[in-house]
């Protein structure tokens, strides 16, 4: 009997890359106009900061760009935020336009809750990014807990942490961490379903932990997807070691024939998978 659903967030519940890349590059375009600086220069500076911080989603990374510091010497952080408000507004307005749940996600999560199954999230994003998106999308209340990654962002007093979030350490794939989540949620691995969008990060991890795995791959325009990915790589925090580790996991998956227990192209198909287990009412 399934008692717990663990779901990845980015690119499983919504398309992260489809909102983040347009929003980020729109922000860079606005900053380029204000500073009269080449976009290619700004992108290189962003990439350096992202690699220092270990994330492309470091709040206000813009304030630390060499081009910004040189343009406004001596300005305080608050002064910079005010002067660059159009830059942040550009990012936020584009994000608001493109951040949308995939079809049937909300309805499916509601139905799963109605079946008496608890829902938790597990993301490599920090709370101010991953959990914030669940709030903006109006589904945070459907989650029992959301396991988020460490953040280097110092949260101001006016932005308190949620009681639903718990910080966990280590990047995906981390089977031990999944086992830890099961312990904290008081379920056995046999009572859990894990859904994610990545073979090397999500499915590999779930299979090693002994958890039923579901790979969710939505139909997409491959040309558009590749363009977005290349733009992400240009600003990414990923290092050569990260790419090598990804390659090694792919080889392990191929060698050991690691594949998901189920594969779906629509989130709503989770319902029929859950109902296939004994003890779950229709």
C-alpha atoms as a PDB file:
ATOM      1  CA  UNK A   1       0.000   0.000   0.000  1.00  0.00           C
ATOM      2  CA  UNK A   2       1.346   3.421  -0.961  1.00  0.00           C
ATOM      3  CA  UNK A   3       1.445   5.898   1.925  1.00  0.00           C
ATOM      4  CA  UNK A   4       3.819   8.569   0.620  1.00  0.00           C
ATOM      5  CA  UNK A   5       4.557  10.313  -2.668  1.00  0.00           C
ATOM      6  CA  UNK A   6       7.957  11.972  -2.957  1.00  0.00           C
ATOM      7  CA  UNK A   7       8.086  14.298  -5.929  1.00  0.00           C
ATOM      8  CA  UNK A   8      10.852  16.264  -7.536  1.00  0.00           C
ATOM      9  CA  UNK A   9       9.816  19.875  -8.207  1.00  0.00           C
ATOM     10  CA  UNK A  10      11.685  21.501 -11.102  1.00  0.00           C
ATOM     11  CA  UNK A  11      10.737  20.077 -14.510  1.00  0.00           C
ATOM     12  CA  UNK A  12       8.419  17.554 -12.859  1.00  0.00           C
ATOM     13  CA  UNK A  13       5.617  19.794 -11.595  1.00  0.00           C
ATOM     14  CA  UNK A  14       6.447  22.727 -13.891  1.00  0.00           C
ATOM     15  CA  UNK A  15       9.061  23.563 -16.504  1.00  0.00           C
ATOM     16  CA  UNK A  16      11.838  25.316 -14.624  1.00  0.00           C
ATOM     17  CA  UNK A  17      14.019  25.980 -17.643  1.00  0.00           C
ATOM     18  CA  UNK A  18      11.099  27.410 -19.649  1.00  0.00           C
ATOM     19  CA  UNK A  19      10.572  30.245 -17.201  1.00  0.00           C
ATOM     20  CA  UNK A  20      14.041  30.738 -15.728  1.00  0.00           C
ATOM     21  CA  UNK A  21      16.052  31.141 -18.925  1.00  0.00           C
ATOM     22  CA  UNK A  22      13.709  33.718 -20.552  1.00  0.00           C
ATOM     23  CA  UNK A  23      13.498  35.596 -17.232  1.00  0.00           C
ATOM     24  CA  UNK A  24      17.244  35.518 -16.671  1.00  0.00           C
ATOM     25  CA  UNK A  25      18.186  36.603 -20.175  1.00  0.00           C
ATOM     26  CA  UNK A  26      15.535  39.323 -20.071  1.00  0.00           C
ATOM     27  CA  UNK A  27      17.147  40.577 -16.872  1.00  0.00           C
ATOM     28  CA  UNK A  28      20.580  40.564 -18.516  1.00  0.00           C
ATOM     29  CA  UNK A  29      19.225  42.525 -21.481  1.00  0.00           C
ATOM     30  CA  UNK A  30      17.836  45.181 -19.130  1.00  0.00           C
ATOM     31  CA  UNK A  31      21.092  45.355 -17.176  1.00  0.00           C
ATOM     32  CA  UNK A  32      23.100  45.635 -20.402  1.00  0.00           C
ATOM     33  CA  UNK A  33      21.000  48.633 -21.405  1.00  0.00           C
ATOM     34  CA  UNK A  34      21.381  50.370 -18.019  1.00  0.00           C
ATOM     35  CA  UNK A  35      25.142  49.814 -17.748  1.00  0.00           C
ATOM     36  CA  UNK A  36      25.871  50.143 -21.455  1.00  0.00           C
ATOM     37  CA  UNK A  37      27.798  46.886 -21.155  1.00  0.00           C
ATOM     38  CA  UNK A  38      27.958  43.956 -23.588  1.00  0.00           C
ATOM     39  CA  UNK A  39      25.662  41.081 -22.669  1.00  0.00           C
ATOM     40  CA  UNK A  40      28.412  38.536 -23.297  1.00  0.00           C
ATOM     41  CA  UNK A  41      30.544  40.242 -20.627  1.00  0.00           C
ATOM     42  CA  UNK A  42      27.703  40.169 -18.117  1.00  0.00           C
ATOM     43  CA  UNK A  43      26.953  36.504 -18.824  1.00  0.00           C
ATOM     44  CA  UNK A  44      30.571  35.571 -18.091  1.00  0.00           C
ATOM     45  CA  UNK A  45      30.444  37.500 -14.834  1.00  0.00           C
ATOM     46  CA  UNK A  46      27.211  35.802 -13.808  1.00  0.00           C
ATOM     47  CA  UNK A  47      28.702  32.384 -14.547  1.00  0.00           C
ATOM     48  CA  UNK A  48      31.670  33.103 -12.272  1.00  0.00           C
ATOM     49  CA  UNK A  49      29.401  34.067  -9.381  1.00  0.00           C
ATOM     50  CA  UNK A  50      27.101  31.103  -9.979  1.00  0.00           C
ATOM     51  CA  UNK A  51      30.081  28.757  -9.784  1.00  0.00           C
ATOM     52  CA  UNK A  52      31.278  30.435  -6.584  1.00  0.00           C
ATOM     53  CA  UNK A  53      27.844  30.045  -5.002  1.00  0.00           C
ATOM     54  CA  UNK A  54      27.091  26.613  -6.482  1.00  0.00           C
ATOM     55  CA  UNK A  55      23.762  27.711  -7.968  1.00  0.00           C
ATOM     56  CA  UNK A  56      22.322  29.736 -10.853  1.00  0.00           C
ATOM     57  CA  UNK A  57      19.546  30.834  -8.496  1.00  0.00           C
ATOM     58  CA  UNK A  58      21.526  32.998  -6.115  1.00  0.00           C
ATOM     59  CA  UNK A  59      19.305  35.932  -5.097  1.00  0.00           C
ATOM     60  CA  UNK A  60      20.725  39.295  -6.102  1.00  0.00           C
ATOM     61  CA  UNK A  61      23.842  37.887  -7.754  1.00  0.00           C
ATOM     62  CA  UNK A  62      23.491  40.945  -9.989  1.00  0.00           C
ATOM     63  CA  UNK A  63      24.634  43.183  -7.123  1.00  0.00           C
ATOM     64  CA  UNK A  64      28.020  41.462  -7.023  1.00  0.00           C
ATOM     65  CA  UNK A  65      28.885  41.557 -10.712  1.00  0.00           C
ATOM     66  CA  UNK A  66      32.198  43.391 -11.361  1.00  0.00           C
ATOM     67  CA  UNK A  67      30.458  45.530 -13.982  1.00  0.00           C
ATOM     68  CA  UNK A  68      27.864  46.640 -11.415  1.00  0.00           C
ATOM     69  CA  UNK A  69      30.412  47.284  -8.674  1.00  0.00           C
ATOM     70  CA  UNK A  70      32.550  49.345 -11.077  1.00  0.00           C
ATOM     71  CA  UNK A  71      29.546  51.318 -12.308  1.00  0.00           C
ATOM     72  CA  UNK A  72      28.374  52.230  -8.791  1.00  0.00           C
ATOM     73  CA  UNK A  73      31.472  52.429  -6.551  1.00  0.00           C
ATOM     74  CA  UNK A  74      30.684  53.006  -2.911  1.00  0.00           C
ATOM     75  CA  UNK A  75      26.947  52.335  -3.189  1.00  0.00           C
ATOM     76  CA  UNK A  76      25.336  50.282  -0.436  1.00  0.00           C
ATOM     77  CA  UNK A  77      23.449  47.085  -1.216  1.00  0.00           C
ATOM     78  CA  UNK A  78      20.141  48.862  -0.670  1.00  0.00           C
ATOM     79  CA  UNK A  79      21.162  51.712  -2.987  1.00  0.00           C
ATOM     80  CA  UNK A  80      22.107  49.212  -5.675  1.00  0.00           C
ATOM     81  CA  UNK A  81      18.782  47.401  -5.315  1.00  0.00           C
ATOM     82  CA  UNK A  82      16.922  50.657  -5.824  1.00  0.00           C
ATOM     83  CA  UNK A  83      18.969  51.702  -8.850  1.00  0.00           C
ATOM     84  CA  UNK A  84      18.663  48.285 -10.441  1.00  0.00           C
ATOM     85  CA  UNK A  85      15.004  47.776  -9.596  1.00  0.00           C
ATOM     86  CA  UNK A  86      14.055  47.749 -13.336  1.00  0.00           C
ATOM     87  CA  UNK A  87      16.441  44.809 -13.782  1.00  0.00           C
ATOM     88  CA  UNK A  88      14.789  42.733 -11.055  1.00  0.00           C
ATOM     89  CA  UNK A  89      11.344  43.816 -12.192  1.00  0.00           C
ATOM     90  CA  UNK A  90      12.134  42.489 -15.673  1.00  0.00           C
ATOM     91  CA  UNK A  91      13.065  39.094 -14.246  1.00  0.00           C
ATOM     92  CA  UNK A  92       9.985  38.913 -12.033  1.00  0.00           C
ATOM     93  CA  UNK A  93       7.548  39.963 -14.761  1.00  0.00           C
ATOM     94  CA  UNK A  94       8.841  37.337 -17.200  1.00  0.00           C
ATOM     95  CA  UNK A  95       8.867  34.660 -14.487  1.00  0.00           C
ATOM     96  CA  UNK A  96       5.266  35.467 -13.627  1.00  0.00           C
ATOM     97  CA  UNK A  97       4.319  35.056 -17.290  1.00  0.00           C
ATOM     98  CA  UNK A  98       5.981  31.686 -17.827  1.00  0.00           C
ATOM     99  CA  UNK A  99       5.920  29.917 -14.444  1.00  0.00           C
ATOM    100  CA  UNK A 100       2.977  27.542 -14.848  1.00  0.00           C
ATOM    101  CA  UNK A 101       2.123  24.074 -13.571  1.00  0.00           C
ATOM    102  CA  UNK A 102       2.134  21.300 -16.125  1.00  0.00           C
ATOM    103  CA  UNK A 103      -1.389  20.171 -17.092  1.00  0.00           C
ATOM    104  CA  UNK A 104      -3.296  18.165 -14.436  1.00  0.00           C
ATOM    105  CA  UNK A 105      -0.618  18.567 -11.737  1.00  0.00           C
ATOM    106  CA  UNK A 106      -2.826  20.385  -9.245  1.00  0.00           C
ATOM    107  CA  UNK A 107      -5.809  18.085  -9.756  1.00  0.00           C
ATOM    108  CA  UNK A 108      -3.629  15.002  -9.440  1.00  0.00           C
ATOM    109  CA  UNK A 109      -2.003  16.178  -6.207  1.00  0.00           C
ATOM    110  CA  UNK A 110      -5.452  16.922  -4.764  1.00  0.00           C
ATOM    111  CA  UNK A 111      -6.690  13.470  -5.752  1.00  0.00           C
ATOM    112  CA  UNK A 112      -3.634  11.798  -4.239  1.00  0.00           C
ATOM    113  CA  UNK A 113      -4.258  13.657  -0.980  1.00  0.00           C
ATOM    114  CA  UNK A 114      -7.867  12.502  -1.058  1.00  0.00           C
ATOM    115  CA  UNK A 115      -6.624   8.913  -1.310  1.00  0.00           C
ATOM    116  CA  UNK A 116      -4.960   9.433   2.082  1.00  0.00           C
ATOM    117  CA  UNK A 117      -1.450   9.558   0.636  1.00  0.00           C
ATOM    118  CA  UNK A 118       0.923  12.178   2.034  1.00  0.00           C
ATOM    119  CA  UNK A 119       2.940  14.288  -0.397  1.00  0.00           C
ATOM    120  CA  UNK A 120       6.453  15.606   0.142  1.00  0.00           C
ATOM    121  CA  UNK A 121       8.799  17.384  -2.205  1.00  0.00           C
ATOM    122  CA  UNK A 122      12.533  16.932  -2.617  1.00  0.00           C
ATOM    123  CA  UNK A 123      14.511  19.505  -4.546  1.00  0.00           C
ATOM    124  CA  UNK A 124      18.093  20.641  -5.021  1.00  0.00           C
ATOM    125  CA  UNK A 125      16.804  24.216  -4.936  1.00  0.00           C
ATOM    126  CA  UNK A 126      17.040  26.285  -1.774  1.00  0.00           C
ATOM    127  CA  UNK A 127      13.868  27.220   0.112  1.00  0.00           C
ATOM    128  CA  UNK A 128      13.711  30.768  -1.248  1.00  0.00           C
ATOM    129  CA  UNK A 129      13.530  29.296  -4.733  1.00  0.00           C
ATOM    130  CA  UNK A 130      11.914  25.848  -4.662  1.00  0.00           C
ATOM    131  CA  UNK A 131       9.340  26.350  -1.913  1.00  0.00           C
ATOM    132  CA  UNK A 132       8.652  29.906  -3.076  1.00  0.00           C
ATOM    133  CA  UNK A 133       7.553  28.526  -6.446  1.00  0.00           C
ATOM    134  CA  UNK A 134       5.114  26.116  -4.793  1.00  0.00           C
ATOM    135  CA  UNK A 135       3.616  29.073  -2.943  1.00  0.00           C
ATOM    136  CA  UNK A 136       3.341  31.178  -6.092  1.00  0.00           C
ATOM    137  CA  UNK A 137       1.720  28.261  -7.903  1.00  0.00           C
ATOM    138  CA  UNK A 138      -0.792  27.810  -5.087  1.00  0.00           C
ATOM    139  CA  UNK A 139       0.033  24.202  -4.204  1.00  0.00           C
ATOM    140  CA  UNK A 140       2.279  24.543  -1.128  1.00  0.00           C
ATOM    141  CA  UNK A 141      -0.615  23.597   1.153  1.00  0.00           C
ATOM    142  CA  UNK A 142      -0.810  20.163  -0.496  1.00  0.00           C
ATOM    143  CA  UNK A 143       2.677  19.244   0.758  1.00  0.00           C
ATOM    144  CA  UNK A 144       3.358  17.713   4.156  1.00  0.00           C
ATOM    145  CA  UNK A 145       7.005  18.727   3.926  1.00  0.00           C
ATOM    146  CA  UNK A 146       9.422  19.991   1.300  1.00  0.00           C
ATOM    147  CA  UNK A 147      13.041  18.914   1.601  1.00  0.00           C
ATOM    148  CA  UNK A 148      15.239  21.700   0.269  1.00  0.00           C
ATOM    149  CA  UNK A 149      18.963  22.220  -0.182  1.00  0.00           C
ATOM    150  CA  UNK A 150      21.348  24.486   1.678  1.00  0.00           C
ATOM    151  CA  UNK A 151      21.306  28.175   0.810  1.00  0.00           C
ATOM    152  CA  UNK A 152      24.072  30.756   0.927  1.00  0.00           C
ATOM    153  CA  UNK A 153      21.410  33.441   0.943  1.00  0.00           C
ATOM    154  CA  UNK A 154      20.997  35.146   4.323  1.00  0.00           C
ATOM    155  CA  UNK A 155      17.265  35.338   4.841  1.00  0.00           C
ATOM    156  CA  UNK A 156      16.089  38.751   6.056  1.00  0.00           C
ATOM    157  CA  UNK A 157      13.810  38.955   9.089  1.00  0.00           C
ATOM    158  CA  UNK A 158      10.821  39.821   6.912  1.00  0.00           C
ATOM    159  CA  UNK A 159      11.218  36.536   4.988  1.00  0.00           C
ATOM    160  CA  UNK A 160      10.773  33.797   7.624  1.00  0.00           C
ATOM    161  CA  UNK A 161      11.380  30.151   6.836  1.00  0.00           C
ATOM    162  CA  UNK A 162       8.337  27.900   6.438  1.00  0.00           C
ATOM    163  CA  UNK A 163       7.516  25.180   8.958  1.00  0.00           C
ATOM    164  CA  UNK A 164       6.994  22.848   5.983  1.00  0.00           C
ATOM    165  CA  UNK A 165      10.602  23.022   4.788  1.00  0.00           C
ATOM    166  CA  UNK A 166      13.511  20.951   6.025  1.00  0.00           C
ATOM    167  CA  UNK A 167      17.082  21.472   4.854  1.00  0.00           C
ATOM    168  CA  UNK A 168      18.949  18.384   3.683  1.00  0.00           C
ATOM    169  CA  UNK A 169      22.561  18.165   2.615  1.00  0.00           C
ATOM    170  CA  UNK A 170      24.124  16.714  -0.503  1.00  0.00           C
ATOM    171  CA  UNK A 171      23.327  16.819  -4.200  1.00  0.00           C
ATOM    172  CA  UNK A 172      21.267  14.314  -6.148  1.00  0.00           C
ATOM    173  CA  UNK A 173      21.583  11.415  -6.662  1.00  0.00           C
ATOM    174  CA  UNK A 174      21.642  10.611  -2.952  1.00  0.00           C
ATOM    175  CA  UNK A 175      19.910   7.300  -2.091  1.00  0.00           C
ATOM    176  CA  UNK A 176      20.790   7.623   1.599  1.00  0.00           C
ATOM    177  CA  UNK A 177      18.958  10.920   1.723  1.00  0.00           C
ATOM    178  CA  UNK A 178      15.831   9.328   0.269  1.00  0.00           C
ATOM    179  CA  UNK A 179      16.051   6.640   2.921  1.00  0.00           C
ATOM    180  CA  UNK A 180      16.405   9.376   5.531  1.00  0.00           C
ATOM    181  CA  UNK A 181      13.256  11.077   4.237  1.00  0.00           C
ATOM    182  CA  UNK A 182      11.359   7.797   4.549  1.00  0.00           C
ATOM    183  CA  UNK A 183      12.487   7.448   8.165  1.00  0.00           C
ATOM    184  CA  UNK A 184      11.471  11.025   8.968  1.00  0.00           C
ATOM    185  CA  UNK A 185       8.084  10.468   7.337  1.00  0.00           C
ATOM    186  CA  UNK A 186       7.642   7.153   9.236  1.00  0.00           C
ATOM    187  CA  UNK A 187       7.197   4.945   6.163  1.00  0.00           C
ATOM    188  CA  UNK A 188       9.100   2.038   4.689  1.00  0.00           C
ATOM    189  CA  UNK A 189      10.616   2.296   1.202  1.00  0.00           C
ATOM    190  CA  UNK A 190       8.005  -0.251   0.042  1.00  0.00           C
ATOM    191  CA  UNK A 191       5.250   2.256   0.854  1.00  0.00           C
ATOM    192  CA  UNK A 192       6.677   5.078  -1.264  1.00  0.00           C
ATOM    193  CA  UNK A 193       6.507   6.246  -4.868  1.00  0.00           C
ATOM    194  CA  UNK A 194       9.104   8.685  -6.179  1.00  0.00           C
ATOM    195  CA  UNK A 195       8.541  10.729  -9.353  1.00  0.00           C
ATOM    196  CA  UNK A 196      11.111  12.833 -11.179  1.00  0.00           C
ATOM    197  CA  UNK A 197      12.279  13.864 -14.628  1.00  0.00           C
ATOM    198  CA  UNK A 198      15.912  12.688 -14.630  1.00  0.00           C
ATOM    199  CA  UNK A 199      17.257   9.157 -15.040  1.00  0.00           C
ATOM    200  CA  UNK A 200      20.651  10.019 -13.560  1.00  0.00           C
ATOM    201  CA  UNK A 201      19.429  12.127 -10.650  1.00  0.00           C
ATOM    202  CA  UNK A 202      15.954  10.878  -9.783  1.00  0.00           C
ATOM    203  CA  UNK A 203      15.453   7.349 -11.084  1.00  0.00           C
ATOM    204  CA  UNK A 204      18.967   6.116 -10.300  1.00  0.00           C
ATOM    205  CA  UNK A 205      18.622   7.415  -6.738  1.00  0.00           C
ATOM    206  CA  UNK A 206      15.175   5.884  -6.187  1.00  0.00           C
ATOM    207  CA  UNK A 207      16.180   2.500  -7.618  1.00  0.00           C
ATOM    208  CA  UNK A 208      19.269   2.265  -5.395  1.00  0.00           C
ATOM    209  CA  UNK A 209      17.124   3.149  -2.376  1.00  0.00           C
ATOM    210  CA  UNK A 210      14.599   0.441  -3.321  1.00  0.00           C
ATOM    211  CA  UNK A 211      11.746   2.891  -3.927  1.00  0.00           C
ATOM    212  CA  UNK A 212       9.205   2.521  -6.741  1.00  0.00           C
ATOM    213  CA  UNK A 213      10.250   5.042  -9.382  1.00  0.00           C
ATOM    214  CA  UNK A 214       8.289   6.982 -11.987  1.00  0.00           C
ATOM    215  CA  UNK A 215       9.988   8.901 -14.780  1.00  0.00           C
ATOM    216  CA  UNK A 216       7.920  11.834 -16.021  1.00  0.00           C
ATOM    217  CA  UNK A 217       8.829  13.039 -19.506  1.00  0.00           C
ATOM    218  CA  UNK A 218       6.541  15.618 -21.065  1.00  0.00           C
ATOM    219  CA  UNK A 219       6.276  16.143 -24.826  1.00  0.00           C
ATOM    220  CA  UNK A 220       8.362  19.122 -25.951  1.00  0.00           C
ATOM    221  CA  UNK A 221       9.889  20.841 -28.964  1.00  0.00           C
ATOM    222  CA  UNK A 222      13.418  19.389 -29.050  1.00  0.00           C
ATOM    223  CA  UNK A 223      14.856  22.407 -30.871  1.00  0.00           C
ATOM    224  CA  UNK A 224      13.452  24.845 -28.319  1.00  0.00           C
ATOM    225  CA  UNK A 225      14.545  22.608 -25.438  1.00  0.00           C
ATOM    226  CA  UNK A 226      18.107  22.398 -26.778  1.00  0.00           C
ATOM    227  CA  UNK A 227      18.303  26.182 -27.219  1.00  0.00           C
ATOM    228  CA  UNK A 228      17.196  26.724 -23.622  1.00  0.00           C
ATOM    229  CA  UNK A 229      19.693  24.138 -22.397  1.00  0.00           C
ATOM    230  CA  UNK A 230      22.610  25.746 -24.234  1.00  0.00           C
ATOM    231  CA  UNK A 231      21.695  29.113 -22.710  1.00  0.00           C
ATOM    232  CA  UNK A 232      21.622  27.470 -19.288  1.00  0.00           C
ATOM    233  CA  UNK A 233      25.068  25.924 -19.785  1.00  0.00           C
ATOM    234  CA  UNK A 234      26.440  29.375 -20.650  1.00  0.00           C
ATOM    235  CA  UNK A 235      25.598  30.674 -17.157  1.00  0.00           C
ATOM    236  CA  UNK A 236      25.590  27.441 -15.183  1.00  0.00           C
ATOM    237  CA  UNK A 237      27.325  26.705 -11.895  1.00  0.00           C
ATOM    238  CA  UNK A 238      28.191  23.243 -13.198  1.00  0.00           C
ATOM    239  CA  UNK A 239      31.894  22.442 -13.156  1.00  0.00           C
ATOM    240  CA  UNK A 240      33.891  19.995 -15.281  1.00  0.00           C
ATOM    241  CA  UNK A 241      33.683  17.607 -12.325  1.00  0.00           C
ATOM    242  CA  UNK A 242      29.894  17.861 -12.365  1.00  0.00           C
ATOM    243  CA  UNK A 243      29.735  16.987 -16.052  1.00  0.00           C
ATOM    244  CA  UNK A 244      32.133  14.071 -15.507  1.00  0.00           C
ATOM    245  CA  UNK A 245      30.059  12.775 -12.593  1.00  0.00           C
ATOM    246  CA  UNK A 246      26.908  12.966 -14.739  1.00  0.00           C
ATOM    247  CA  UNK A 247      28.671  10.973 -17.450  1.00  0.00           C
ATOM    248  CA  UNK A 248      29.760   8.319 -14.960  1.00  0.00           C
ATOM    249  CA  UNK A 249      26.207   7.922 -13.601  1.00  0.00           C
ATOM    250  CA  UNK A 250      24.893   7.528 -17.167  1.00  0.00           C
ATOM    251  CA  UNK A 251      27.432   4.749 -17.756  1.00  0.00           C
ATOM    252  CA  UNK A 252      26.416   3.023 -14.525  1.00  0.00           C
ATOM    253  CA  UNK A 253      22.745   3.232 -15.485  1.00  0.00           C
ATOM    254  CA  UNK A 254      23.472   1.768 -18.919  1.00  0.00           C
ATOM    255  CA  UNK A 255      25.722  -0.991 -17.592  1.00  0.00           C
ATOM    256  CA  UNK A 256      23.258  -2.043 -14.892  1.00  0.00           C
ATOM    257  CA  UNK A 257      20.154  -1.512 -17.028  1.00  0.00           C
ATOM    258  CA  UNK A 258      18.717   0.951 -14.532  1.00  0.00           C
ATOM    259  CA  UNK A 259      15.339   2.139 -15.722  1.00  0.00           C
ATOM    260  CA  UNK A 260      12.177   3.477 -14.085  1.00  0.00           C
ATOM    261  CA  UNK A 261       9.464   1.138 -12.846  1.00  0.00           C
ATOM    262  CA  UNK A 262       6.989   3.346 -14.702  1.00  0.00           C
ATOM    263  CA  UNK A 263       7.239   6.042 -17.357  1.00  0.00           C
ATOM    264  CA  UNK A 264       4.534   8.664 -17.887  1.00  0.00           C
ATOM    265  CA  UNK A 265       4.027  11.614 -20.224  1.00  0.00           C
ATOM    266  CA  UNK A 266       1.324  13.214 -18.072  1.00  0.00           C
ATOM    267  CA  UNK A 267       1.319  13.745 -14.309  1.00  0.00           C
ATOM    268  CA  UNK A 268      -2.262  12.506 -13.971  1.00  0.00           C
ATOM    269  CA  UNK A 269      -1.166   8.962 -14.848  1.00  0.00           C
ATOM    270  CA  UNK A 270       0.224   8.733 -11.325  1.00  0.00           C
ATOM    271  CA  UNK A 271      -3.304   7.965 -10.158  1.00  0.00           C
ATOM    272  CA  UNK A 272      -3.604   4.731 -12.123  1.00  0.00           C
ATOM    273  CA  UNK A 273      -0.135   3.683 -10.971  1.00  0.00           C
ATOM    274  CA  UNK A 274      -1.055   4.255  -7.328  1.00  0.00           C
ATOM    275  CA  UNK A 275      -4.364   2.395  -7.767  1.00  0.00           C
ATOM    276  CA  UNK A 276      -2.506  -0.596  -9.177  1.00  0.00           C
ATOM    277  CA  UNK A 277      -1.066  -1.262  -5.729  1.00  0.00           C
ATOM    278  CA  UNK A 278      -3.113  -3.452  -3.402  1.00  0.00           C
ATOM    279  CA  UNK A 279      -4.980  -1.677  -0.647  1.00  0.00           C
ATOM    280  CA  UNK A 280      -5.675   1.606  -2.450  1.00  0.00           C
ATOM    281  CA  UNK A 281      -9.345   2.364  -2.896  1.00  0.00           C
ATOM    282  CA  UNK A 282     -10.748   3.627  -6.184  1.00  0.00           C
END
